[in-house]
PDB file of N, CA and C in Angstrom:
ATOM      1  N   MET A   1       0.810  -1.196   0.000  1.00  0.00           N
ATOM      2  CA  MET A   1       0.000   0.000   0.000  1.00  0.00           C
ATOM      3  C   MET A   1       0.854   1.261   0.000  1.00  0.00           C
ATOM      4  N   ASN A   2       2.146   1.089   0.105  1.00  0.00           N
ATOM      5  CA  ASN A   2       3.042   2.245   0.115  1.00  0.00           C
ATOM      6  C   ASN A   2       3.026   3.032  -1.182  1.00  0.00           C
ATOM      7  N   GLN A   3       2.539   2.418  -2.260  1.00  0.00           N
ATOM      8  CA  GLN A   3       2.524   3.105  -3.547  1.00  0.00           C
ATOM      9  C   GLN A   3       1.381   4.123  -3.645  1.00  0.00           C
ATOM     10  N   TYR A   4       0.462   4.121  -2.677  1.00  0.00           N
ATOM     11  CA  TYR A   4      -0.665   5.049  -2.682  1.00  0.00           C
ATOM     12  C   TYR A   4      -0.397   6.211  -1.735  1.00  0.00           C
ATOM     13  N   THR A   5      -0.829   7.393  -2.143  1.00  0.00           N
ATOM     14  CA  THR A   5      -0.703   8.558  -1.261  1.00  0.00           C
ATOM     15  C   THR A   5      -1.795   8.504  -0.193  1.00  0.00           C
ATOM     16  N   THR A   6      -1.587   9.244   0.868  1.00  0.00           N
ATOM     17  CA  THR A   6      -2.602   9.337   1.914  1.00  0.00           C
ATOM     18  C   THR A   6      -3.895   9.903   1.343  1.00  0.00           C
ATOM     19  N   ALA A   7      -3.793  10.872   0.443  1.00  0.00           N
ATOM     20  CA  ALA A   7      -4.984  11.456  -0.187  1.00  0.00           C
ATOM     21  C   ALA A   7      -5.761  10.407  -0.977  1.00  0.00           C
ATOM     22  N   GLU A   8      -5.052   9.534  -1.696  1.00  0.00           N
ATOM     23  CA  GLU A   8      -5.711   8.476  -2.467  1.00  0.00           C
ATOM     24  C   GLU A   8      -6.404   7.472  -1.541  1.00  0.00           C
ATOM     25  N   LEU A   9      -5.746   7.093  -0.481  1.00  0.00           N
ATOM     26  CA  LEU A   9      -6.330   6.154   0.474  1.00  0.00           C
ATOM     27  C   LEU A   9      -7.562   6.760   1.152  1.00  0.00           C
ATOM     28  N   THR A  10      -7.463   8.016   1.532  1.00  0.00           N
ATOM     29  CA  THR A  10      -8.583   8.708   2.162  1.00  0.00           C
ATOM     30  C   THR A  10      -9.772   8.794   1.226  1.00  0.00           C
ATOM     31  N   GLN A  11      -9.514   9.144  -0.021  1.00  0.00           N
ATOM     32  CA  GLN A  11     -10.587   9.250  -1.017  1.00  0.00           C
ATOM     33  C   GLN A  11     -11.279   7.902  -1.209  1.00  0.00           C
ATOM     34  N   GLU A  12     -10.522   6.840  -1.301  1.00  0.00           N
ATOM     35  CA  GLU A  12     -11.108   5.507  -1.481  1.00  0.00           C
ATOM     36  C   GLU A  12     -11.911   5.092  -0.253  1.00  0.00           C
ATOM     37  N   LEU A  13     -11.359   5.283   0.928  1.00  0.00           N
ATOM     38  CA  LEU A  13     -12.082   4.918   2.150  1.00  0.00           C
ATOM     39  C   LEU A  13     -13.379   5.701   2.303  1.00  0.00           C
ATOM     40  N   SER A  14     -13.386   6.971   1.929  1.00  0.00           N
ATOM     41  CA  SER A  14     -14.578   7.807   2.090  1.00  0.00           C
ATOM     42  C   SER A  14     -15.747   7.324   1.230  1.00  0.00           C
ATOM     43  N   LYS A  15     -15.487   6.518   0.207  1.00  0.00           N
ATOM     44  CA  LYS A  15     -16.533   5.981  -0.667  1.00  0.00           C
ATOM     45  C   LYS A  15     -17.187   4.726  -0.101  1.00  0.00           C
ATOM     46  N   ARG A  16     -16.575   4.136   0.906  1.00  0.00           N
ATOM     47  CA  ARG A  16     -17.010   2.833   1.409  1.00  0.00           C
ATOM     48  C   ARG A  16     -18.224   2.936   2.331  1.00  0.00           C
ATOM     49  N   THR A  17     -19.037   1.864   2.293  1.00  0.00           N
ATOM     50  CA  THR A  17     -20.153   1.742   3.226  1.00  0.00           C
ATOM     51  C   THR A  17     -19.588   1.609   4.631  1.00  0.00           C
ATOM     52  N   GLY A  18     -20.197   2.271   5.578  1.00  0.00           N
ATOM     53  CA  GLY A  18     -19.731   2.193   6.956  1.00  0.00           C
ATOM     54  C   GLY A  18     -18.714   3.253   7.316  1.00  0.00           C
ATOM     55  N   VAL A  19     -18.359   4.105   6.350  1.00  0.00           N
ATOM     56  CA  VAL A  19     -17.402   5.181   6.621  1.00  0.00           C
ATOM     57  C   VAL A  19     -18.137   6.518   6.517  1.00  0.00           C
ATOM     58  N   LYS A  20     -18.066   7.290   7.577  1.00  0.00           N
ATOM     59  CA  LYS A  20     -18.676   8.623   7.604  1.00  0.00           C
ATOM     60  C   LYS A  20     -17.551   9.649   7.519  1.00  0.00           C
ATOM     61  N   THR A  21     -17.733  10.660   6.681  1.00  0.00           N
ATOM     62  CA  THR A  21     -16.696  11.654   6.423  1.00  0.00           C
ATOM     63  C   THR A  21     -17.147  13.034   6.882  1.00  0.00           C
ATOM     64  N   PHE A  22     -16.250  13.726   7.556  1.00  0.00           N
ATOM     65  CA  PHE A  22     -16.488  15.107   7.971  1.00  0.00           C
ATOM     66  C   PHE A  22     -15.380  15.972   7.385  1.00  0.00           C
ATOM     67  N   GLN A  23     -15.739  16.970   6.602  1.00  0.00           N
ATOM     68  CA  GLN A  23     -14.763  17.901   6.028  1.00  0.00           C
ATOM     69  C   GLN A  23     -14.796  19.178   6.862  1.00  0.00           C
ATOM     70  N   ILE A  24     -13.682  19.502   7.484  1.00  0.00           N
ATOM     71  CA  ILE A  24     -13.568  20.706   8.300  1.00  0.00           C
ATOM     72  C   ILE A  24     -12.817  21.747   7.469  1.00  0.00           C
ATOM     73  N   ASN A  25     -13.463  22.873   7.246  1.00  0.00           N
ATOM     74  CA  ASN A  25     -12.913  23.913   6.379  1.00  0.00           C
ATOM     75  C   ASN A  25     -11.847  24.753   7.079  1.00  0.00           C
ATOM     76  N   LEU A  26     -11.134  25.522   6.280  1.00  0.00           N
ATOM     77  CA  LEU A  26     -10.086  26.412   6.759  1.00  0.00           C
ATOM     78  C   LEU A  26     -10.622  27.303   7.878  1.00  0.00           C
ATOM     79  N   GLU A  27      -9.864  27.398   8.939  1.00  0.00           N
ATOM     80  CA  GLU A  27     -10.152  28.219  10.110  1.00  0.00           C
ATOM     81  C   GLU A  27     -11.301  27.708  10.974  1.00  0.00           C
ATOM     82  N   GLU A  28     -11.929  26.588  10.600  1.00  0.00           N
ATOM     83  CA  GLU A  28     -12.920  25.971  11.483  1.00  0.00           C
ATOM     84  C   GLU A  28     -12.181  25.095  12.484  1.00  0.00           C
ATOM     85  N   LYS A  29     -12.749  24.958  13.658  1.00  0.00           N
ATOM     86  CA  LYS A  29     -12.143  24.123  14.696  1.00  0.00           C
ATOM     87  C   LYS A  29     -13.130  23.027  15.074  1.00  0.00           C
ATOM     88  N   VAL A  30     -12.577  21.886  15.457  1.00  0.00           N
ATOM     89  CA  VAL A  30     -13.403  20.776  15.918  1.00  0.00           C
ATOM     90  C   VAL A  30     -12.716  20.131  17.115  1.00  0.00           C
ATOM     91  N   LYS A  31     -13.520  19.688  18.065  1.00  0.00           N
ATOM     92  CA  LYS A  31     -12.998  19.002  19.241  1.00  0.00           C
ATOM     93  C   LYS A  31     -13.646  17.623  19.287  1.00  0.00           C
ATOM     94  N   ILE A  32     -12.824  16.593  19.423  1.00  0.00           N
ATOM     95  CA  ILE A  32     -13.301  15.221  19.510  1.00  0.00           C
ATOM     96  C   ILE A  32     -12.975  14.717  20.911  1.00  0.00           C
ATOM     97  N   THR A  33     -14.002  14.229  21.610  1.00  0.00           N
ATOM     98  CA  THR A  33     -13.824  13.753  22.973  1.00  0.00           C
ATOM     99  C   THR A  33     -14.413  12.352  23.106  1.00  0.00           C
ATOM    100  N   THR A  34     -13.629  11.445  23.676  1.00  0.00           N
ATOM    101  CA  THR A  34     -14.099  10.090  23.967  1.00  0.00           C
ATOM    102  C   THR A  34     -13.563   9.699  25.336  1.00  0.00           C
ATOM    103  N   GLY A  35     -14.452   9.498  26.262  1.00  0.00           N
ATOM    104  CA  GLY A  35     -14.012   9.120  27.609  1.00  0.00           C
ATOM    105  C   GLY A  35     -13.010  10.120  28.160  1.00  0.00           C
ATOM    106  N   ALA A  36     -11.804   9.645  28.474  1.00  0.00           N
ATOM    107  CA  ALA A  36     -10.760  10.497  29.049  1.00  0.00           C
ATOM    108  C   ALA A  36      -9.876  11.142  27.993  1.00  0.00           C
ATOM    109  N   MET A  37     -10.077  10.798  26.714  1.00  0.00           N
ATOM    110  CA  MET A  37      -9.221  11.304  25.649  1.00  0.00           C
ATOM    111  C   MET A  37      -9.916  12.431  24.895  1.00  0.00           C
ATOM    112  N   SER A  38      -9.156  13.463  24.535  1.00  0.00           N
ATOM    113  CA  SER A  38      -9.712  14.599  23.820  1.00  0.00           C
ATOM    114  C   SER A  38      -8.648  15.204  22.916  1.00  0.00           C
ATOM    115  N   THR A  39      -9.074  15.670  21.731  1.00  0.00           N
ATOM    116  CA  THR A  39      -8.153  16.351  20.832  1.00  0.00           C
ATOM    117  C   THR A  39      -8.896  17.462  20.114  1.00  0.00           C
ATOM    118  N   GLU A  40      -8.191  18.516  19.789  1.00  0.00           N
ATOM    119  CA  GLU A  40      -8.760  19.654  19.080  1.00  0.00           C
ATOM    120  C   GLU A  40      -7.913  19.907  17.833  1.00  0.00           C
ATOM    121  N   VAL A  41      -8.575  20.085  16.691  1.00  0.00           N
ATOM    122  CA  VAL A  41      -7.859  20.350  15.447  1.00  0.00           C
ATOM    123  C   VAL A  41      -8.504  21.515  14.724  1.00  0.00           C
ATOM    124  N   GLU A  42      -7.708  22.188  13.911  1.00  0.00           N
ATOM    125  CA  GLU A  42      -8.184  23.299  13.097  1.00  0.00           C
ATOM    126  C   GLU A  42      -8.011  22.915  11.631  1.00  0.00           C
ATOM    127  N   GLY A  43      -9.030  23.234  10.828  1.00  0.00           N
ATOM    128  CA  GLY A  43      -9.026  22.868   9.413  1.00  0.00           C
ATOM    129  C   GLY A  43      -8.030  23.678   8.604  1.00  0.00           C
ATOM    130  N   PRO A  44      -7.803  23.235   7.390  1.00  0.00           N
ATOM    131  CA  PRO A  44      -8.584  22.198   6.722  1.00  0.00           C
ATOM    132  C   PRO A  44      -8.145  20.797   7.140  1.00  0.00           C
ATOM    133  N   VAL A  45      -9.157  19.948   7.371  1.00  0.00           N
ATOM    134  CA  VAL A  45      -8.891  18.571   7.765  1.00  0.00           C
ATOM    135  C   VAL A  45     -10.099  17.709   7.386  1.00  0.00           C
ATOM    136  N   MET A  46      -9.838  16.445   7.089  1.00  0.00           N
ATOM    137  CA  MET A  46     -10.915  15.495   6.825  1.00  0.00           C
ATOM    138  C   MET A  46     -10.864  14.435   7.909  1.00  0.00           C
ATOM    139  N   ILE A  47     -12.009  14.178   8.524  1.00  0.00           N
ATOM    140  CA  ILE A  47     -12.103  13.183   9.570  1.00  0.00           C
ATOM    141  C   ILE A  47     -12.962  12.034   9.059  1.00  0.00           C
ATOM    142  N   LEU A  48     -12.438  10.816   9.155  1.00  0.00           N
ATOM    143  CA  LEU A  48     -13.169   9.628   8.733  1.00  0.00           C
ATOM    144  C   LEU A  48     -13.503   8.782   9.961  1.00  0.00           C
ATOM    145  N   ILE A  49     -14.739   8.310  10.023  1.00  0.00           N
ATOM    146  CA  ILE A  49     -15.131   7.369  11.068  1.00  0.00           C
ATOM    147  C   ILE A  49     -15.460   6.061  10.367  1.00  0.00           C
ATOM    148  N   ASN A  50     -14.690   5.031  10.680  1.00  0.00           N
ATOM    149  CA  ASN A  50     -14.832   3.725  10.041  1.00  0.00           C
ATOM    150  C   ASN A  50     -15.546   2.782  10.993  1.00  0.00           C
ATOM    151  N   ARG A  51     -16.776   2.391  10.630  1.00  0.00           N
ATOM    152  CA  ARG A  51     -17.569   1.502  11.491  1.00  0.00           C
ATOM    153  C   ARG A  51     -17.563   0.073  10.960  1.00  0.00           C
ATOM    154  N   ASP A  52     -16.603  -0.253  10.150  1.00  0.00           N
ATOM    155  CA  ASP A  52     -16.525  -1.580   9.540  1.00  0.00           C
ATOM    156  C   ASP A  52     -15.855  -2.570  10.463  1.00  0.00           C
TER     157      ASP A  52
END
């Protein structure tokens, strides 16, 4: 899989059933919290949730 870029892998995964995609635009902020873990990121960023 090393021959594929991260962008190519992300694009392919985002098409799959069970994958939810969130596109965070420039200067937007998002905070993800789960239990005791938390992270904050500023766009542009794409977040994928894989439920497969």
